[in-house]
Amino acid sequence: MELRRMVFVVIVVLAMLPRLFGQVGVNETRPHFARYTVRDLGTLGGTFSFAGGINDRGDVEGFSTLPGDTVNHAFLWRDGMMRDLGTLGGPNSWASYRPSNAGQVAGWTESSTPDPTDFCGVGDPLACPAFVWQKGVMTPLQLLGGTSGEANGLNNRGQIAGAAETSDSDPTCEFPHRQVRPVIWKDGKIQTVLPYLPGDVRADANAINDRGEAAGWSGTCEAHGHAVLWRHGVVTDLGSFGGVGSTVATDINNRTQVVGWSDLPGDDVSHAFLWENGTMNDLGTLPGDFISFGDGINGKGQIVGDSCVGQDFADCRPFLLEDGVKVDLNALIPSDSPLYLIDATGVINSRGQIAGLAIQVRTGEIHAFLATPCDDDNHEEHCWYDPVGPTVAGGTLRPEFHLTENARTLLRRAMNRRARKP
């Protein structure tokens, strides 16, 4: 009798071991994650390109340096070709969020009009109007009395989320700047001027879903104060993780799920968040990292972001989160890839395709990438393989590469310009 009881206890304990000790490990290595092929999208002739967003057709928008790396132009990558979208008369243009499925691209560009406020932040005393590009034509968007604006995400109803300058000065800025209001454009005109949170004087709408709900931040000139949601004309503070510096919402899907990042107490470290049904959830980091950012979310609830060891963006790696489990995207691409992925800036579409930034291991250049999940329509040679590295969640071992100072400068400038850090 005693022997039978002991055998029963042993069986029960063995059955419970995964829950007691190995639940995280079992979840991290379960094989439900798709494998990915990864493609280098190239540049417009320089050594740097930045993927800002991807639509459901797999079109990628972003910006790239031209030969010499002194000028950026917005691009649209489609069917293997990167198209230069040009400017509105000035040297630089940028596109940094999500294009529409109809192929519209939104962004901001320097014009030839003098303006000492340097809204674009590259040191040029030029106006920087918001634009929409479609079928080869770049068109400036209506502003609120100022000379500059920022067009960010598009939805599939032709609405564009962003911000437009007024003619009033911003009293919270150390240097002369005009106030900036969050807006929604439609057909080139301002459809809605969105409200600030009480006490704020500056805000930006970063993304908009097909229901017309927008997400972004509201604060002052010197800091992004609060992640916010605009819904039915009402602004909602999404909360924070306890920091007083910065909380920013970066993307929203049609289920009103919002992702972004928030400072923790002390404001030295930020974590990615998922906000839904009134609650902000901390998404944490990949093993061994301390900082994370939430970049994008699709309609299935798949989330992409970045997990970093420190403040250097070159020390980051993109993660994919689904069903509550995070994975280093480098662990899901071919082990012999010439690219090491560092950022998922280009977010994720309904097919699970992810766009972002990668380092060419051989050259040290930073290029935009497109990662496509393996499925019945994807039969490339490297589509099916066993991942290398300690675990799926831990990712692959970081390869040896050397970033030039120019590459680091371009990366830092691009990330700051996209408002990833205030």
Protein backbone atom coordinates (compact mmCIF):
# COMPACT_ATOMS: atom_id res chain seq x y z
CA MET A 1 0.00 0.00 0.00
CA GLU A 2 2.77 2.38 0.93
CA LEU A 3 4.63 1.54 -2.31
CA ARG A 4 1.52 2.22 -4.38
CA ARG A 5 1.05 5.56 -2.59
CA MET A 6 4.67 6.52 -3.22
CA VAL A 7 4.34 5.68 -6.92
CA PHE A 8 1.20 7.84 -7.10
CA VAL A 9 2.96 10.78 -5.42
CA VAL A 10 5.92 10.51 -7.80
CA ILE A 11 3.58 10.54 -10.83
CA VAL A 12 1.76 13.62 -9.51
CA VAL A 13 5.01 15.49 -8.80
CA LEU A 14 6.39 14.68 -12.24
CA ALA A 15 3.21 15.97 -13.80
CA MET A 16 3.46 19.20 -11.83
CA LEU A 17 7.15 19.88 -12.49
CA PRO A 18 6.54 22.02 -15.60
CA ARG A 19 4.18 24.22 -13.58
CA LEU A 20 6.37 24.39 -10.52
CA PHE A 21 9.77 24.93 -12.13
CA GLY A 22 9.68 24.88 -15.87
CA GLN A 23 6.62 26.81 -16.99
CA VAL A 24 8.58 29.77 -18.38
CA GLY A 25 11.05 27.55 -20.16
CA VAL A 26 8.32 25.40 -21.69
CA ASN A 27 6.41 28.45 -22.93
CA GLU A 28 9.56 30.14 -24.29
CA THR A 29 10.55 27.17 -26.41
CA ARG A 30 7.19 25.90 -27.60
CA PRO A 31 7.25 25.66 -31.40
CA HIS A 32 4.20 27.79 -32.25
CA PHE A 33 6.27 30.68 -33.59
CA ALA A 34 6.56 30.87 -37.37
CA ARG A 35 10.01 30.92 -38.91
CA TYR A 36 10.88 33.96 -40.99
CA THR A 37 12.82 34.79 -44.11
CA VAL A 38 14.49 38.19 -43.99
CA ARG A 39 15.26 40.60 -46.81
CA ASP A 40 17.65 43.56 -46.94
CA LEU A 41 15.70 46.43 -48.52
CA GLY A 42 18.82 48.34 -49.49
CA THR A 43 19.18 52.14 -49.58
CA LEU A 44 18.80 55.12 -51.91
CA GLY A 45 22.54 55.18 -52.47
CA GLY A 46 23.80 55.96 -48.98
CA THR A 47 24.78 53.58 -46.19
CA PHE A 48 21.65 53.95 -44.01
CA SER A 49 17.95 53.22 -44.43
CA PHE A 50 15.10 53.19 -41.91
CA ALA A 51 11.87 51.19 -42.15
CA GLY A 52 9.06 53.25 -40.71
CA GLY A 53 5.97 51.17 -41.44
CA ILE A 54 4.41 48.32 -43.42
CA ASN A 55 0.91 47.85 -44.82
CA ASP A 56 -1.00 44.61 -45.38
CA ARG A 57 0.31 44.33 -48.97
CA GLY A 58 3.91 44.25 -47.73
CA ASP A 59 4.73 47.79 -48.91
CA VAL A 60 7.32 49.42 -46.64
CA GLU A 61 7.78 53.13 -46.13
CA GLY A 62 10.73 54.83 -44.48
CA PHE A 63 13.67 57.04 -45.31
CA SER A 64 17.20 56.54 -46.53
CA THR A 65 20.35 58.55 -46.96
CA LEU A 66 21.46 59.48 -50.45
CA PRO A 67 25.10 59.06 -51.59
CA GLY A 68 27.34 60.82 -49.06
CA ASP A 69 24.93 60.26 -46.14
CA THR A 70 24.22 63.99 -45.70
CA VAL A 71 20.62 64.00 -46.97
CA ASN A 72 17.58 61.80 -46.20
CA HIS A 73 14.69 61.12 -48.57
CA ALA A 74 11.45 59.31 -47.84
CA PHE A 75 10.96 56.06 -49.75
CA LEU A 76 8.29 53.51 -50.61
CA TRP A 77 9.57 49.95 -51.10
CA ARG A 78 7.30 47.74 -53.17
CA ASP A 79 7.92 44.48 -55.08
CA GLY A 80 11.67 44.64 -54.65
CA MET A 81 12.12 48.30 -55.63
CA MET A 82 12.83 51.30 -53.37
CA ARG A 83 11.28 54.48 -54.77
CA ASP A 84 12.59 57.93 -53.82
CA LEU A 85 9.59 60.10 -52.89
CA GLY A 86 11.53 63.37 -53.14
CA THR A 87 10.83 66.56 -51.16
CA LEU A 88 8.81 69.78 -51.36
CA GLY A 89 11.80 71.92 -52.28
CA GLY A 90 14.16 71.35 -49.34
CA PRO A 91 16.96 68.82 -48.96
CA ASN A 92 15.33 66.26 -46.62
CA SER A 93 12.15 64.24 -46.21
CA TRP A 94 11.04 61.46 -43.86
CA ALA A 95 8.31 58.81 -43.64
CA SER A 96 8.22 56.97 -40.35
CA TYR A 97 4.97 55.19 -39.60
CA ARG A 98 2.47 53.04 -41.54
CA PRO A 99 1.35 53.48 -45.18
CA SER A 100 -2.24 52.73 -46.17
CA ASN A 101 -3.18 49.62 -48.12
CA ALA A 102 -3.94 51.94 -51.06
CA GLY A 103 -0.28 52.96 -51.19
CA GLN A 104 -0.54 56.40 -49.58
CA VAL A 105 2.52 57.50 -47.64
CA ALA A 106 2.53 60.29 -45.05
CA GLY A 107 5.48 62.13 -43.59
CA TRP A 108 7.20 65.47 -43.30
CA THR A 109 9.66 67.27 -45.52
CA GLU A 110 11.77 70.38 -45.62
CA SER A 111 10.59 73.06 -48.04
CA SER A 112 12.52 76.01 -49.45
CA THR A 113 10.73 78.45 -47.10
CA PRO A 114 13.03 79.93 -44.43
CA ASP A 115 12.02 79.24 -40.82
CA PRO A 116 14.41 79.58 -37.87
CA THR A 117 12.50 77.20 -35.58
CA ASP A 118 14.00 74.09 -37.27
CA PHE A 119 10.89 71.95 -36.76
CA CYS A 120 12.52 69.00 -38.57
CA GLY A 121 15.37 69.00 -36.07
CA VAL A 122 18.30 68.61 -38.47
CA GLY A 123 19.82 72.06 -38.09
CA ASP A 124 18.35 73.60 -41.25
CA PRO A 125 16.47 76.93 -40.88
CA LEU A 126 13.69 75.73 -43.17
CA ALA A 127 9.97 75.13 -42.84
CA CYS A 128 8.97 71.47 -42.54
CA PRO A 129 5.41 70.86 -43.75
CA ALA A 130 3.55 67.56 -43.44
CA PHE A 131 2.80 65.74 -46.68
CA VAL A 132 0.88 62.88 -48.22
CA TRP A 133 2.30 61.04 -51.24
CA GLN A 134 0.25 58.97 -53.66
CA LYS A 135 0.82 57.80 -57.25
CA GLY A 136 3.99 59.81 -57.68
CA VAL A 137 2.69 63.10 -56.29
CA MET A 138 3.74 64.66 -52.94
CA THR A 139 1.14 67.11 -51.61
CA PRO A 140 1.48 69.39 -48.56
CA LEU A 141 -1.18 69.04 -45.86
CA GLN A 142 -3.13 71.89 -44.31
CA LEU A 143 -1.64 73.47 -41.18
CA LEU A 144 -3.04 75.64 -38.37
CA GLY A 145 -1.32 78.93 -39.13
CA GLY A 146 2.27 77.76 -38.73
CA THR A 147 4.72 76.58 -41.39
CA SER A 148 5.40 73.00 -40.26
CA GLY A 149 3.70 69.77 -39.31
CA GLU A 150 4.19 66.04 -38.96
CA ALA A 151 2.05 63.41 -40.70
CA ASN A 152 2.37 59.97 -39.16
CA GLY A 153 0.09 56.97 -39.48
CA LEU A 154 -2.63 56.43 -42.11
CA ASN A 155 -5.72 54.28 -41.97
CA ASN A 156 -7.59 52.62 -44.82
CA ARG A 157 -10.27 55.34 -44.86
CA GLY A 158 -7.77 57.96 -46.01
CA GLN A 159 -7.39 59.59 -42.60
CA ILE A 160 -3.91 60.70 -41.48
CA ALA A 161 -2.87 61.22 -37.86
CA GLY A 162 -0.22 63.73 -36.90
CA ALA A 163 0.37 67.26 -35.67
CA ALA A 164 0.22 70.77 -37.11
CA GLU A 165 1.79 74.03 -35.99
CA THR A 166 -0.31 77.00 -34.95
CA SER A 167 0.84 80.62 -35.18
CA ASP A 168 1.16 80.90 -31.38
CA SER A 169 4.48 80.51 -29.58
CA ASP A 170 5.01 77.60 -27.17
CA PRO A 171 5.92 78.97 -23.72
CA THR A 172 7.32 75.61 -22.55
CA CYS A 173 10.14 75.52 -25.12
CA GLU A 174 13.66 76.64 -24.27
CA PHE A 175 14.14 77.95 -27.81
CA PRO A 176 11.51 79.70 -29.98
CA HIS A 177 8.89 77.23 -31.20
CA ARG A 178 5.23 77.39 -32.11
CA GLN A 179 2.51 75.41 -30.43
CA VAL A 180 1.69 72.06 -32.02
CA ARG A 181 -1.81 70.59 -32.06
CA PRO A 182 -2.65 66.93 -32.74
CA VAL A 183 -4.85 66.64 -35.82
CA ILE A 184 -6.50 64.21 -38.22
CA TRP A 185 -6.36 65.04 -41.93
CA LYS A 186 -8.70 63.82 -44.68
CA ASP A 187 -8.29 64.68 -48.37
CA GLY A 188 -5.45 67.06 -47.53
CA LYS A 189 -7.53 69.15 -45.12
CA ILE A 190 -7.70 69.13 -41.34
CA GLN A 191 -10.75 67.08 -40.43
CA THR A 192 -10.39 67.21 -36.64
CA VAL A 193 -8.25 69.17 -34.20
CA LEU A 194 -7.73 66.83 -31.25
CA PRO A 195 -7.62 68.05 -27.62
CA TYR A 196 -4.65 68.11 -25.27
CA LEU A 197 -4.77 66.70 -21.78
CA PRO A 198 -5.51 69.47 -19.25
CA GLY A 199 -2.41 71.55 -18.59
CA ASP A 200 -0.54 70.38 -21.71
CA VAL A 201 0.38 72.61 -24.65
CA ARG A 202 1.82 70.16 -27.18
CA ALA A 203 0.80 66.76 -28.55
CA ASP A 204 1.20 64.41 -31.49
CA ALA A 205 -0.97 61.62 -32.87
CA ASN A 206 1.32 58.77 -33.95
CA ALA A 207 -1.17 56.21 -35.27
CA ILE A 208 -4.79 55.87 -36.30
CA ASN A 209 -6.98 52.78 -36.78
CA ASP A 210 -9.76 52.21 -39.31
CA ARG A 211 -12.33 53.36 -36.73
CA GLY A 212 -10.74 56.80 -36.57
CA GLU A 213 -9.27 56.26 -33.09
CA ALA A 214 -5.81 57.76 -32.67
CA ALA A 215 -2.96 57.18 -30.23
CA GLY A 216 0.06 59.30 -29.35
CA TRP A 217 1.25 61.60 -26.59
CA SER A 218 0.35 64.85 -24.87
CA GLY A 219 2.77 66.99 -22.89
CA THR A 220 5.12 69.94 -23.19
CA CYS A 221 7.92 70.98 -25.51
CA GLU A 222 10.71 69.46 -23.46
CA ALA A 223 9.11 66.12 -22.61
CA HIS A 224 6.47 63.68 -23.75
CA GLY A 225 4.32 63.59 -20.66
CA HIS A 226 1.49 61.12 -21.25
CA ALA A 227 0.48 58.35 -23.61
CA VAL A 228 -3.02 59.12 -24.82
CA LEU A 229 -5.93 57.72 -26.81
CA TRP A 230 -8.30 59.94 -28.79
CA ARG A 231 -11.71 58.35 -29.26
CA HIS A 232 -14.96 60.09 -30.30
CA GLY A 233 -13.30 63.49 -29.74
CA VAL A 234 -12.28 62.68 -26.15
CA VAL A 235 -8.66 62.36 -24.98
CA THR A 236 -7.81 59.65 -22.43
CA ASP A 237 -4.62 59.40 -20.39
CA LEU A 238 -3.48 55.77 -20.65
CA GLY A 239 -1.46 55.91 -17.43
CA SER A 240 2.17 55.05 -16.78
CA PHE A 241 4.50 52.69 -14.95
CA GLY A 242 5.39 55.28 -12.33
CA GLY A 243 7.90 57.49 -14.11
CA VAL A 244 7.30 61.21 -14.44
CA GLY A 245 9.30 61.75 -17.64
CA SER A 246 7.85 60.05 -20.71
CA THR A 247 5.08 57.72 -21.75
CA VAL A 248 4.34 57.44 -25.48
CA ALA A 249 1.73 55.47 -27.44
CA THR A 250 3.09 54.35 -30.83
CA ASP A 251 0.43 52.14 -32.46
CA ILE A 252 -3.25 51.14 -32.23
CA ASN A 253 -5.21 48.35 -33.91
CA ASN A 254 -8.90 48.06 -34.78
CA ARG A 255 -9.61 46.37 -31.43
CA THR A 256 -8.46 49.57 -29.63
CA GLN A 257 -5.38 47.82 -28.28
CA VAL A 258 -2.54 50.33 -27.90
CA VAL A 259 1.19 49.73 -27.58
CA GLY A 260 4.04 52.04 -26.67
CA TRP A 261 6.49 52.58 -23.84
CA SER A 262 6.59 54.18 -20.41
CA ASP A 263 9.31 55.25 -18.00
CA LEU A 264 9.59 53.33 -14.76
CA PRO A 265 10.13 55.11 -11.42
CA GLY A 266 13.36 57.10 -11.61
CA ASP A 267 12.93 57.66 -15.38
CA ASP A 268 16.20 55.86 -16.23
CA VAL A 269 14.50 52.78 -17.66
CA SER A 270 11.43 52.37 -19.86
CA HIS A 271 9.32 49.28 -20.62
CA ALA A 272 7.02 48.43 -23.50
CA PHE A 273 3.32 48.37 -22.70
CA LEU A 274 0.06 46.99 -24.03
CA TRP A 275 -3.02 49.01 -23.09
CA GLU A 276 -6.45 47.44 -23.42
CA ASN A 277 -9.77 47.79 -21.63
CA GLY A 278 -8.44 50.54 -19.41
CA THR A 279 -5.34 48.70 -18.18
CA MET A 280 -1.67 49.29 -19.05
CA ASN A 281 0.26 46.01 -18.99
CA ASP A 282 4.04 45.87 -18.62
CA LEU A 283 5.54 43.72 -21.41
CA GLY A 284 8.96 43.52 -19.76
CA THR A 285 12.13 42.70 -21.71
CA LEU A 286 13.92 39.75 -23.24
CA PRO A 287 16.20 37.84 -20.84
CA GLY A 288 19.28 39.86 -19.88
CA ASP A 289 17.91 43.21 -21.07
CA PHE A 290 16.72 46.22 -19.06
CA ILE A 291 14.87 48.53 -21.48
CA SER A 292 12.08 47.87 -23.97
CA PHE A 293 9.87 49.78 -26.42
CA GLY A 294 6.57 48.78 -27.97
CA ASP A 295 6.51 49.51 -31.70
CA GLY A 296 3.44 47.95 -33.32
CA ILE A 297 0.41 45.72 -32.99
CA ASN A 298 -1.73 44.08 -35.68
CA GLY A 299 -5.36 42.99 -35.65
CA LYS A 300 -4.46 39.54 -34.32
CA GLY A 301 -2.83 41.07 -31.26
CA GLN A 302 0.72 40.18 -32.33
CA ILE A 303 3.09 42.79 -30.91
CA VAL A 304 6.56 43.81 -32.01
CA GLY A 305 9.01 45.97 -30.11
CA ASP A 306 12.61 46.30 -29.05
CA SER A 307 14.49 44.99 -26.05
CA CYS A 308 17.79 46.66 -25.13
CA VAL A 309 20.73 46.19 -22.81
CA GLY A 310 21.23 49.94 -22.44
CA GLN A 311 20.61 53.32 -24.03
CA ASP A 312 22.60 52.56 -27.20
CA PHE A 313 20.09 51.59 -29.92
CA ALA A 314 22.75 49.36 -31.53
CA ASP A 315 22.50 47.16 -28.41
CA CYS A 316 18.82 46.37 -29.03
CA ARG A 317 17.06 43.42 -30.64
CA PRO A 318 13.48 43.17 -31.89
CA PHE A 319 10.97 40.94 -30.15
CA LEU A 320 7.75 39.35 -31.32
CA LEU A 321 5.08 38.72 -28.70
CA GLU A 322 2.08 36.49 -29.22
CA ASP A 323 -0.06 34.49 -26.82
CA GLY A 324 1.80 36.12 -23.95
CA VAL A 325 5.24 34.84 -25.00
CA LYS A 326 8.12 36.99 -26.28
CA VAL A 327 10.79 35.82 -28.70
CA ASP A 328 13.93 37.45 -30.11
CA LEU A 329 13.21 37.80 -33.82
CA ASN A 330 16.83 36.89 -34.56
CA ALA A 331 16.02 33.38 -33.30
CA LEU A 332 13.37 32.96 -36.00
CA ILE A 333 15.41 33.94 -39.08
CA PRO A 334 18.01 31.77 -40.87
CA SER A 335 21.10 31.23 -38.75
CA ASP A 336 23.34 32.16 -41.69
CA SER A 337 21.60 35.50 -42.33
CA PRO A 338 23.99 38.35 -43.22
CA LEU A 339 21.79 40.65 -41.11
CA TYR A 340 21.54 41.06 -37.34
CA LEU A 341 18.16 42.60 -36.50
CA ILE A 342 18.17 45.43 -33.95
CA ASP A 343 14.77 47.15 -34.18
CA ALA A 344 11.18 46.56 -35.27
CA THR A 345 10.49 50.21 -36.16
CA GLY A 346 8.40 49.24 -39.20
CA VAL A 347 5.80 47.42 -37.06
CA ILE A 348 3.80 44.31 -38.07
CA ASN A 349 1.01 43.81 -40.61
CA SER A 350 -1.97 41.43 -40.68
CA ARG A 351 0.12 38.73 -42.42
CA GLY A 352 2.69 38.83 -39.65
CA GLN A 353 5.32 40.55 -41.81
CA ILE A 354 7.69 42.74 -39.79
CA ALA A 355 9.82 45.66 -40.98
CA GLY A 356 12.64 47.27 -39.07
CA LEU A 357 16.35 47.99 -38.82
CA ALA A 358 19.24 45.56 -39.19
CA ILE A 359 23.02 45.72 -39.16
CA GLN A 360 24.87 44.24 -42.11
CA VAL A 361 27.35 42.12 -40.19
CA ARG A 362 30.02 42.29 -42.90
CA THR A 363 29.92 46.06 -43.58
CA GLY A 364 28.49 47.53 -40.36
CA GLU A 365 25.92 49.49 -42.37
CA ILE A 366 22.37 49.85 -41.04
CA HIS A 367 19.61 48.94 -43.49
CA ALA A 368 15.85 48.50 -43.44
CA PHE A 369 14.68 44.87 -43.45
CA LEU A 370 11.49 42.98 -44.22
CA ALA A 371 10.85 39.71 -42.38
CA THR A 372 8.17 37.41 -43.83
CA PRO A 373 6.76 34.41 -41.95
CA CYS A 374 7.02 31.01 -43.60
CA ASP A 375 3.67 29.69 -44.79
CA ASP A 376 2.16 27.82 -47.72
CA ASP A 377 3.01 30.71 -50.06
CA ASN A 378 6.63 31.00 -48.95
CA HIS A 379 8.85 28.17 -50.15
CA GLU A 380 12.27 29.82 -49.99
CA GLU A 381 15.27 27.61 -49.36
CA HIS A 382 15.91 28.84 -45.80
CA CYS A 383 12.28 28.86 -44.71
CA TRP A 384 12.43 25.76 -42.51
CA TYR A 385 15.28 25.16 -40.12
CA ASP A 386 16.10 24.68 -36.47
CA PRO A 387 16.92 27.90 -34.58
CA VAL A 388 20.33 28.20 -32.96
CA GLY A 389 21.16 29.78 -29.62
CA PRO A 390 20.42 28.94 -26.00
CA THR A 391 16.59 29.11 -26.26
CA VAL A 392 14.01 30.60 -28.60
CA ALA A 393 13.31 33.37 -26.10
CA GLY A 394 16.98 34.05 -25.47
CA GLY A 395 17.68 34.37 -29.17
CA THR A 396 20.88 33.77 -31.08
CA LEU A 397 24.33 34.79 -29.99
CA ARG A 398 25.12 38.35 -31.03
CA PRO A 399 27.56 38.27 -33.97
CA GLU A 400 30.73 40.34 -34.12
CA PHE A 401 30.34 43.56 -36.10
CA HIS A 402 31.81 47.05 -36.09
CA LEU A 403 29.65 50.14 -36.35
CA THR A 404 31.35 53.25 -37.67
CA GLU A 405 30.79 56.52 -35.83
CA ASN A 406 28.83 57.71 -38.86
CA ALA A 407 26.49 54.71 -38.57
CA ARG A 408 25.95 55.34 -34.87
CA THR A 409 25.24 59.02 -35.51
CA LEU A 410 22.72 58.24 -38.27
CA LEU A 411 21.00 55.62 -36.08
CA ARG A 412 20.77 57.91 -33.06
CA ARG A 413 19.49 60.82 -35.15
CA ALA A 414 16.86 58.66 -36.87
CA MET A 415 15.55 57.14 -33.65
CA ASN A 416 15.35 60.47 -31.86
CA ARG A 417 13.63 62.04 -34.86
CA ARG A 418 10.94 59.37 -34.72
CA ALA A 419 10.22 60.49 -31.15
CA ARG A 420 11.33 57.26 -29.59
CA LYS A 421 13.07 59.38 -26.98
CA PRO A 422 12.15 62.95 -26.04
